[in-house]
PDB file of N, CA and C in Angstrom:
ATOM      1  N   MET A   1     -80.179  90.889 -35.980  1.00  0.00           N
ATOM      2  CA  MET A   1     -81.230  92.130 -35.768  1.00  0.00           C
ATOM      3  C   MET A   1     -79.971  93.556 -35.616  1.00  0.00           C
ATOM      4  N   ASN A   2     -80.716  94.110 -36.857  1.00  0.00           N
ATOM      5  CA  ASN A   2     -80.275  95.583 -35.872  1.00  0.00           C
ATOM      6  C   ASN A   2     -81.372  96.544 -34.991  1.00  0.00           C
ATOM      7  N   SER A   3     -80.248  97.291 -34.368  1.00  0.00           N
ATOM      8  CA  SER A   3     -81.360  98.211 -33.020  1.00  0.00           C
ATOM      9  C   SER A   3     -81.448 100.042 -34.101  1.00  0.00           C
ATOM     10  N   TYR A   4     -82.891 100.408 -33.068  1.00  0.00           N
ATOM     11  CA  TYR A   4     -83.025 101.574 -33.819  1.00  0.00           C
ATOM     12  C   TYR A   4     -83.426 102.332 -32.896  1.00  0.00           C
ATOM     13  N   LEU A   5     -83.411 103.099 -32.845  1.00  0.00           N
ATOM     14  CA  LEU A   5     -84.171 104.302 -32.129  1.00  0.00           C
ATOM     15  C   LEU A   5     -85.003 104.931 -33.017  1.00  0.00           C
ATOM     16  N   PHE A   6     -85.779 105.805 -32.248  1.00  0.00           N
ATOM     17  CA  PHE A   6     -87.160 106.006 -33.203  1.00  0.00           C
ATOM     18  C   PHE A   6     -87.244 107.579 -32.434  1.00  0.00           C
ATOM     19  N   TYR A   7     -87.221 108.796 -33.495  1.00  0.00           N
ATOM     20  CA  TYR A   7     -87.219 110.100 -33.167  1.00  0.00           C
ATOM     21  C   TYR A   7     -88.173 110.713 -34.169  1.00  0.00           C
ATOM     22  N   THR A   8     -89.047 112.172 -33.440  1.00  0.00           N
ATOM     23  CA  THR A   8     -90.055 112.893 -33.784  1.00  0.00           C
ATOM     24  C   THR A   8     -89.564 114.189 -33.435  1.00  0.00           C
ATOM     25  N   ASP A   9     -89.820 115.916 -34.413  1.00  0.00           N
ATOM     26  CA  ASP A   9     -89.116 116.905 -34.377  1.00  0.00           C
ATOM     27  C   ASP A   9     -90.939 116.848 -33.837  1.00  0.00           C
ATOM     28  N   GLU A  10     -91.791 117.054 -33.781  1.00  0.00           N
ATOM     29  CA  GLU A  10     -92.800 116.740 -33.197  1.00  0.00           C
ATOM     30  C   GLU A  10     -93.396 116.644 -31.278  1.00  0.00           C
ATOM     31  N   GLY A  11     -93.693 117.955 -31.060  1.00  0.00           N
ATOM     32  CA  GLY A  11     -94.078 117.823 -29.151  1.00  0.00           C
ATOM     33  C   GLY A  11     -93.458 119.197 -28.791  1.00  0.00           C
ATOM     34  N   ALA A  12     -93.261 119.091 -27.522  1.00  0.00           N
ATOM     35  CA  ALA A  12     -92.648 120.009 -26.237  1.00  0.00           C
ATOM     36  C   ALA A  12     -92.768 119.300 -25.122  1.00  0.00           C
ATOM     37  N   THR A  13     -92.022 119.629 -24.116  1.00  0.00           N
ATOM     38  CA  THR A  13     -92.124 119.454 -22.952  1.00  0.00           C
ATOM     39  C   THR A  13     -91.912 120.977 -22.206  1.00  0.00           C
ATOM     40  N   LEU A  14     -91.706 120.871 -21.073  1.00  0.00           N
ATOM     41  CA  LEU A  14     -92.309 122.111 -20.654  1.00  0.00           C
ATOM     42  C   LEU A  14     -90.679 122.043 -19.412  1.00  0.00           C
ATOM     43  N   SER A  15     -90.089 122.897 -19.649  1.00  0.00           N
ATOM     44  CA  SER A  15     -88.550 123.299 -18.474  1.00  0.00           C
ATOM     45  C   SER A  15     -88.655 122.815 -17.395  1.00  0.00           C
ATOM     46  N   PRO A  16     -87.313 122.753 -16.507  1.00  0.00           N
ATOM     47  CA  PRO A  16     -87.492 122.609 -14.129  1.00  0.00           C
ATOM     48  C   PRO A  16     -88.795 124.422 -14.989  1.00  0.00           C
ATOM     49  N   SER A  17     -87.956 125.294 -15.627  1.00  0.00           N
ATOM     50  CA  SER A  17     -88.369 126.280 -14.724  1.00  0.00           C
ATOM     51  C   SER A  17     -90.379 126.110 -15.451  1.00  0.00           C
ATOM     52  N   GLY A  18     -90.200 125.641 -16.493  1.00  0.00           N
ATOM     53  CA  GLY A  18     -91.781 125.897 -16.729  1.00  0.00           C
ATOM     54  C   GLY A  18     -92.220 126.913 -18.050  1.00  0.00           C
ATOM     55  N   ARG A  19     -90.825 126.564 -18.490  1.00  0.00           N
ATOM     56  CA  ARG A  19     -90.876 127.117 -20.088  1.00  0.00           C
ATOM     57  C   ARG A  19     -91.483 125.959 -20.865  1.00  0.00           C
ATOM     58  N   TYR A  20     -91.987 126.694 -21.667  1.00  0.00           N
ATOM     59  CA  TYR A  20     -92.299 126.305 -22.908  1.00  0.00           C
ATOM     60  C   TYR A  20     -91.827 125.356 -24.060  1.00  0.00           C
ATOM     61  N   VAL A  21     -90.866 123.734 -24.047  1.00  0.00           N
ATOM     62  CA  VAL A  21     -89.676 123.892 -25.143  1.00  0.00           C
ATOM     63  C   VAL A  21     -89.613 122.617 -26.295  1.00  0.00           C
ATOM     64  N   GLU A  22     -89.611 123.771 -27.283  1.00  0.00           N
ATOM     65  CA  GLU A  22     -89.964 123.223 -28.867  1.00  0.00           C
ATOM     66  C   GLU A  22     -88.514 122.303 -28.219  1.00  0.00           C
ATOM     67  N   ASN A  23     -88.930 120.176 -28.991  1.00  0.00           N
ATOM     68  CA  ASN A  23     -87.119 119.841 -28.891  1.00  0.00           C
ATOM     69  C   ASN A  23     -87.984 117.927 -29.405  1.00  0.00           C
ATOM     70  N   CYS A  24     -86.946 117.419 -29.571  1.00  0.00           N
ATOM     71  CA  CYS A  24     -87.467 116.646 -30.428  1.00  0.00           C
ATOM     72  C   CYS A  24     -87.186 115.047 -29.752  1.00  0.00           C
ATOM     73  N   GLN A  25     -88.905 113.836 -29.061  1.00  0.00           N
ATOM     74  CA  GLN A  25     -89.384 113.560 -29.057  1.00  0.00           C
ATOM     75  C   GLN A  25     -88.567 111.905 -29.266  1.00  0.00           C
ATOM     76  N   LEU A  26     -88.301 111.248 -28.091  1.00  0.00           N
ATOM     77  CA  LEU A  26     -87.574 110.069 -28.199  1.00  0.00           C
ATOM     78  C   LEU A  26     -88.617 109.219 -28.705  1.00  0.00           C
ATOM     79  N   ILE A  27     -89.391 108.381 -29.216  1.00  0.00           N
ATOM     80  CA  ILE A  27     -90.544 107.925 -30.142  1.00  0.00           C
ATOM     81  C   ILE A  27     -90.744 105.466 -28.879  1.00  0.00           C
ATOM     82  N   GLY A  28     -88.574 105.431 -29.508  1.00  0.00           N
ATOM     83  CA  GLY A  28     -88.862 104.637 -28.240  1.00  0.00           C
ATOM     84  C   GLY A  28     -87.869 103.905 -29.575  1.00  0.00           C
ATOM     85  N   TRP A  29     -87.228 101.949 -29.090  1.00  0.00           N
ATOM     86  CA  TRP A  29     -86.406 101.802 -29.984  1.00  0.00           C
ATOM     87  C   TRP A  29     -87.086  99.825 -30.211  1.00  0.00           C
ATOM     88  N   GLU A  30     -86.412  99.045 -31.432  1.00  0.00           N
ATOM     89  CA  GLU A  30     -86.595  98.809 -31.420  1.00  0.00           C
ATOM     90  C   GLU A  30     -85.973  97.766 -32.452  1.00  0.00           C
ATOM     91  N   LYS A  31     -85.354  96.161 -33.265  1.00  0.00           N
ATOM     92  CA  LYS A  31     -84.908  95.578 -33.764  1.00  0.00           C
ATOM     93  C   LYS A  31     -85.566  95.484 -35.160  1.00  0.00           C
ATOM     94  N   GLY A  32     -85.155  95.199 -35.875  1.00  0.00           N
ATOM     95  CA  GLY A  32     -85.489  94.645 -36.972  1.00  0.00           C
ATOM     96  C   GLY A  32     -84.212  94.684 -38.231  1.00  0.00           C
ATOM     97  N   GLU A  33     -84.952  93.858 -39.047  1.00  0.00           N
ATOM     98  CA  GLU A  33     -83.625  93.384 -40.415  1.00  0.00           C
ATOM     99  C   GLU A  33     -83.528  94.867 -40.856  1.00  0.00           C
ATOM    100  N   SER A  34     -84.268  95.828 -41.075  1.00  0.00           N
ATOM    101  CA  SER A  34     -84.022  97.642 -41.179  1.00  0.00           C
ATOM    102  C   SER A  34     -84.699  98.409 -41.195  1.00  0.00           C
ATOM    103  N   SER A  35     -84.605  99.366 -40.869  1.00  0.00           N
ATOM    104  CA  SER A  35     -85.260 100.722 -39.397  1.00  0.00           C
ATOM    105  C   SER A  35     -87.040 100.646 -39.784  1.00  0.00           C
ATOM    106  N   GLN A  36     -87.614 100.911 -40.990  1.00  0.00           N
ATOM    107  CA  GLN A  36     -88.753 100.532 -41.710  1.00  0.00           C
ATOM    108  C   GLN A  36     -89.498  98.873 -41.293  1.00  0.00           C
ATOM    109  N   ASP A  37     -88.940  97.959 -40.867  1.00  0.00           N
ATOM    110  CA  ASP A  37     -89.084  96.702 -39.536  1.00  0.00           C
ATOM    111  C   ASP A  37     -88.950  96.878 -38.652  1.00  0.00           C
ATOM    112  N   ALA A  38     -88.218  97.911 -38.343  1.00  0.00           N
ATOM    113  CA  ALA A  38     -87.663  97.860 -36.690  1.00  0.00           C
ATOM    114  C   ALA A  38     -89.674  98.859 -36.572  1.00  0.00           C
ATOM    115  N   LEU A  39     -89.421  99.896 -37.631  1.00  0.00           N
ATOM    116  CA  LEU A  39     -90.856 100.824 -37.189  1.00  0.00           C
ATOM    117  C   LEU A  39     -91.963  99.668 -37.095  1.00  0.00           C
ATOM    118  N   ASN A  40     -92.008  99.292 -38.392  1.00  0.00           N
ATOM    119  CA  ASN A  40     -93.593  98.073 -37.871  1.00  0.00           C
ATOM    120  C   ASN A  40     -93.726  97.458 -36.728  1.00  0.00           C
ATOM    121  N   ALA A  41     -92.669  97.461 -36.023  1.00  0.00           N
ATOM    122  CA  ALA A  41     -92.582  96.478 -35.102  1.00  0.00           C
ATOM    123  C   ALA A  41     -92.566  97.397 -33.371  1.00  0.00           C
ATOM    124  N   LEU A  42     -92.330  98.035 -33.903  1.00  0.00           N
ATOM    125  CA  LEU A  42     -92.606  99.350 -33.354  1.00  0.00           C
ATOM    126  C   LEU A  42     -93.907  99.718 -32.659  1.00  0.00           C
ATOM    127  N   LEU A  43     -94.526 100.085 -34.029  1.00  0.00           N
ATOM    128  CA  LEU A  43     -95.722 100.395 -34.480  1.00  0.00           C
ATOM    129  C   LEU A  43     -96.699  99.396 -33.287  1.00  0.00           C
ATOM    130  N   GLN A  44     -96.813  99.118 -34.699  1.00  0.00           N
ATOM    131  CA  GLN A  44     -97.685  97.114 -33.520  1.00  0.00           C
ATOM    132  C   GLN A  44     -97.811  96.744 -31.789  1.00  0.00           C
ATOM    133  N   GLU A  45     -96.210  97.219 -31.470  1.00  0.00           N
ATOM    134  CA  GLU A  45     -96.382  96.732 -30.166  1.00  0.00           C
ATOM    135  C   GLU A  45     -96.791  98.263 -28.685  1.00  0.00           C
ATOM    136  N   ALA A  46     -96.484  99.108 -29.512  1.00  0.00           N
ATOM    137  CA  ALA A  46     -96.778 100.347 -29.615  1.00  0.00           C
ATOM    138  C   ALA A  46     -97.854 101.587 -29.768  1.00  0.00           C
ATOM    139  N   LYS A  47     -99.006 101.584 -29.679  1.00  0.00           N
ATOM    140  CA  LYS A  47    -100.169 101.734 -30.149  1.00  0.00           C
ATOM    141  C   LYS A  47    -100.581 103.264 -29.836  1.00  0.00           C
ATOM    142  N   TRP A  48     -99.543 103.654 -28.606  1.00  0.00           N
ATOM    143  CA  TRP A  48     -99.947 104.886 -28.123  1.00  0.00           C
ATOM    144  C   TRP A  48     -99.650 106.062 -29.069  1.00  0.00           C
ATOM    145  N   ILE A  49     -98.122 105.633 -29.944  1.00  0.00           N
ATOM    146  CA  ILE A  49     -97.550 106.279 -30.630  1.00  0.00           C
ATOM    147  C   ILE A  49     -98.987 106.966 -31.527  1.00  0.00           C
ATOM    148  N   LYS A  50     -98.926 106.395 -33.088  1.00  0.00           N
ATOM    149  CA  LYS A  50    -100.442 106.716 -33.160  1.00  0.00           C
ATOM    150  C   LYS A  50    -101.072 107.273 -32.274  1.00  0.00           C
ATOM    151  N   ALA A  51    -102.097 107.010 -31.250  1.00  0.00           N
ATOM    152  CA  ALA A  51    -103.196 107.755 -31.054  1.00  0.00           C
ATOM    153  C   ALA A  51    -103.082 108.886 -29.674  1.00  0.00           C
ATOM    154  N   SER A  52    -101.784 109.133 -29.888  1.00  0.00           N
ATOM    155  CA  SER A  52    -100.920 110.484 -29.662  1.00  0.00           C
ATOM    156  C   SER A  52    -101.290 111.411 -30.516  1.00  0.00           C
ATOM    157  N   GLY A  53    -101.289 110.811 -31.472  1.00  0.00           N
ATOM    158  CA  GLY A  53    -101.374 112.137 -32.989  1.00  0.00           C
ATOM    159  C   GLY A  53    -100.226 112.464 -33.682  1.00  0.00           C
ATOM    160  N   PHE A  54     -98.539 111.821 -33.473  1.00  0.00           N
ATOM    161  CA  PHE A  54     -97.600 112.094 -33.753  1.00  0.00           C
ATOM    162  C   PHE A  54     -98.388 110.882 -35.451  1.00  0.00           C
ATOM    163  N   CYS A  55     -97.136 111.669 -36.351  1.00  0.00           N
ATOM    164  CA  CYS A  55     -97.325 111.623 -37.905  1.00  0.00           C
ATOM    165  C   CYS A  55     -96.339 110.452 -38.084  1.00  0.00           C
ATOM    166  N   ILE A  56     -96.185 109.652 -38.252  1.00  0.00           N
ATOM    167  CA  ILE A  56     -95.748 108.547 -39.398  1.00  0.00           C
ATOM    168  C   ILE A  56     -94.905 108.300 -39.823  1.00  0.00           C
ATOM    169  N   GLU A  57     -94.864 109.596 -40.626  1.00  0.00           N
ATOM    170  CA  GLU A  57     -94.653 110.303 -41.830  1.00  0.00           C
ATOM    171  C   GLU A  57     -93.115 111.152 -40.872  1.00  0.00           C
ATOM    172  N   LYS A  58     -93.141 111.106 -40.692  1.00  0.00           N
ATOM    173  CA  LYS A  58     -92.013 112.204 -39.995  1.00  0.00           C
ATOM    174  C   LYS A  58     -91.677 111.981 -38.248  1.00  0.00           C
ATOM    175  N   ILE A  59     -91.742 110.873 -38.701  1.00  0.00           N
ATOM    176  CA  ILE A  59     -90.739 109.379 -37.252  1.00  0.00           C
ATOM    177  C   ILE A  59     -88.826 109.326 -37.955  1.00  0.00           C
ATOM    178  N   LYS A  60     -88.508 109.959 -37.586  1.00  0.00           N
ATOM    179  CA  LYS A  60     -87.159 110.063 -37.939  1.00  0.00           C
ATOM    180  C   LYS A  60     -86.625 107.953 -37.466  1.00  0.00           C
ATOM    181  N   SER A  61     -84.761 107.933 -38.149  1.00  0.00           N
ATOM    182  CA  SER A  61     -84.852 107.253 -37.345  1.00  0.00           C
ATOM    183  C   SER A  61     -83.340 107.104 -36.978  1.00  0.00           C
ATOM    184  N   CYS A  62     -82.306 106.166 -36.450  1.00  0.00           N
ATOM    185  CA  CYS A  62     -81.300 106.499 -35.749  1.00  0.00           C
ATOM    186  C   CYS A  62     -80.893 104.674 -35.401  1.00  0.00           C
ATOM    187  N   LEU A  63     -79.688 104.427 -36.917  1.00  0.00           N
ATOM    188  CA  LEU A  63     -79.340 103.061 -35.756  1.00  0.00           C
ATOM    189  C   LEU A  63     -77.887 102.964 -35.021  1.00  0.00           C
ATOM    190  N   ILE A  64     -78.865 102.675 -33.526  1.00  0.00           N
ATOM    191  CA  ILE A  64     -77.492 102.370 -32.479  1.00  0.00           C
ATOM    192  C   ILE A  64     -76.873 101.057 -32.234  1.00  0.00           C
ATOM    193  N   ALA A  65     -77.225 100.381 -33.469  1.00  0.00           N
ATOM    194  CA  ALA A  65     -76.007  98.174 -33.189  1.00  0.00           C
ATOM    195  C   ALA A  65     -76.292  98.078 -33.918  1.00  0.00           C
ATOM    196  N   GLU A  66     -75.296  97.815 -35.297  1.00  0.00           N
ATOM    197  CA  GLU A  66     -75.696  97.316 -36.741  1.00  0.00           C
ATOM    198  C   GLU A  66     -75.528  95.864 -36.203  1.00  0.00           C
ATOM    199  N   LYS A  67     -76.167  94.895 -36.876  1.00  0.00           N
ATOM    200  CA  LYS A  67     -76.167  92.899 -36.841  1.00  0.00           C
ATOM    201  C   LYS A  67     -74.705  92.922 -37.724  1.00  0.00           C
ATOM    202  N   THR A  68     -73.178  92.156 -37.102  1.00  0.00           N
ATOM    203  CA  THR A  68     -72.244  91.541 -38.234  1.00  0.00           C
ATOM    204  C   THR A  68     -72.260  89.919 -37.710  1.00  0.00           C
ATOM    205  N   PRO A  69     -70.697  89.437 -38.510  1.00  0.00           N
ATOM    206  CA  PRO A  69     -70.712  87.706 -38.279  1.00  0.00           C
ATOM    207  C   PRO A  69     -70.536  87.847 -37.362  1.00  0.00           C
ATOM    208  N   GLU A  70     -69.996  88.578 -36.725  1.00  0.00           N
ATOM    209  CA  GLU A  70     -68.742  88.504 -35.519  1.00  0.00           C
ATOM    210  C   GLU A  70     -69.959  88.349 -34.385  1.00  0.00           C
ATOM    211  N   MET A  71     -71.215  89.006 -33.885  1.00  0.00           N
ATOM    212  CA  MET A  71     -71.710  89.159 -33.016  1.00  0.00           C
ATOM    213  C   MET A  71     -72.721  87.893 -33.682  1.00  0.00           C
ATOM    214  N   GLU A  72     -73.072  87.367 -34.553  1.00  0.00           N
ATOM    215  CA  GLU A  72     -73.569  85.501 -34.155  1.00  0.00           C
ATOM    216  C   GLU A  72     -72.671  84.992 -33.942  1.00  0.00           C
ATOM    217  N   LEU A  73     -71.589  85.153 -33.437  1.00  0.00           N
ATOM    218  CA  LEU A  73     -70.720  84.968 -34.109  1.00  0.00           C
ATOM    219  C   LEU A  73     -70.432  84.326 -31.238  1.00  0.00           C
ATOM    220  N   PHE A  74     -70.773  85.684 -31.524  1.00  0.00           N
ATOM    221  CA  PHE A  74     -71.148  85.797 -30.274  1.00  0.00           C
ATOM    222  C   PHE A  74     -72.594  85.155 -29.249  1.00  0.00           C
ATOM    223  N   CYS A  75     -73.084  85.268 -30.226  1.00  0.00           N
ATOM    224  CA  CYS A  75     -74.702  85.451 -29.794  1.00  0.00           C
ATOM    225  C   CYS A  75     -74.826  83.772 -29.119  1.00  0.00           C
ATOM    226  N   GLU A  76     -73.925  82.506 -30.337  1.00  0.00           N
ATOM    227  CA  GLU A  76     -74.252  81.838 -30.689  1.00  0.00           C
ATOM    228  C   GLU A  76     -74.346  80.413 -28.882  1.00  0.00           C
TER     229      GLU A  76
END
C-alpha cells in the first residue's frame, strides 16, 4: 500500500509570541491503495476530524511512500 499525508488550509495557530497565524494543518497520515482509500480509512479511525468541523472536501493529500514491486520482495 501507499502512504499519504493529509492536510488542510483551514485553521490557524498561535505563534510563540502570541500572534494569530493562518497556516496549513496536518490532519494525519494513513496507508491505502489510493489517496481516497487512505482518507476513508483515516476518517474511520480519527472521528475527531469531522467532529472538529474540518471540511472533508478541502483536505488535500500528499503521497509520501509508494508501494513498488521491490518493496514487496523486501517485506516478504
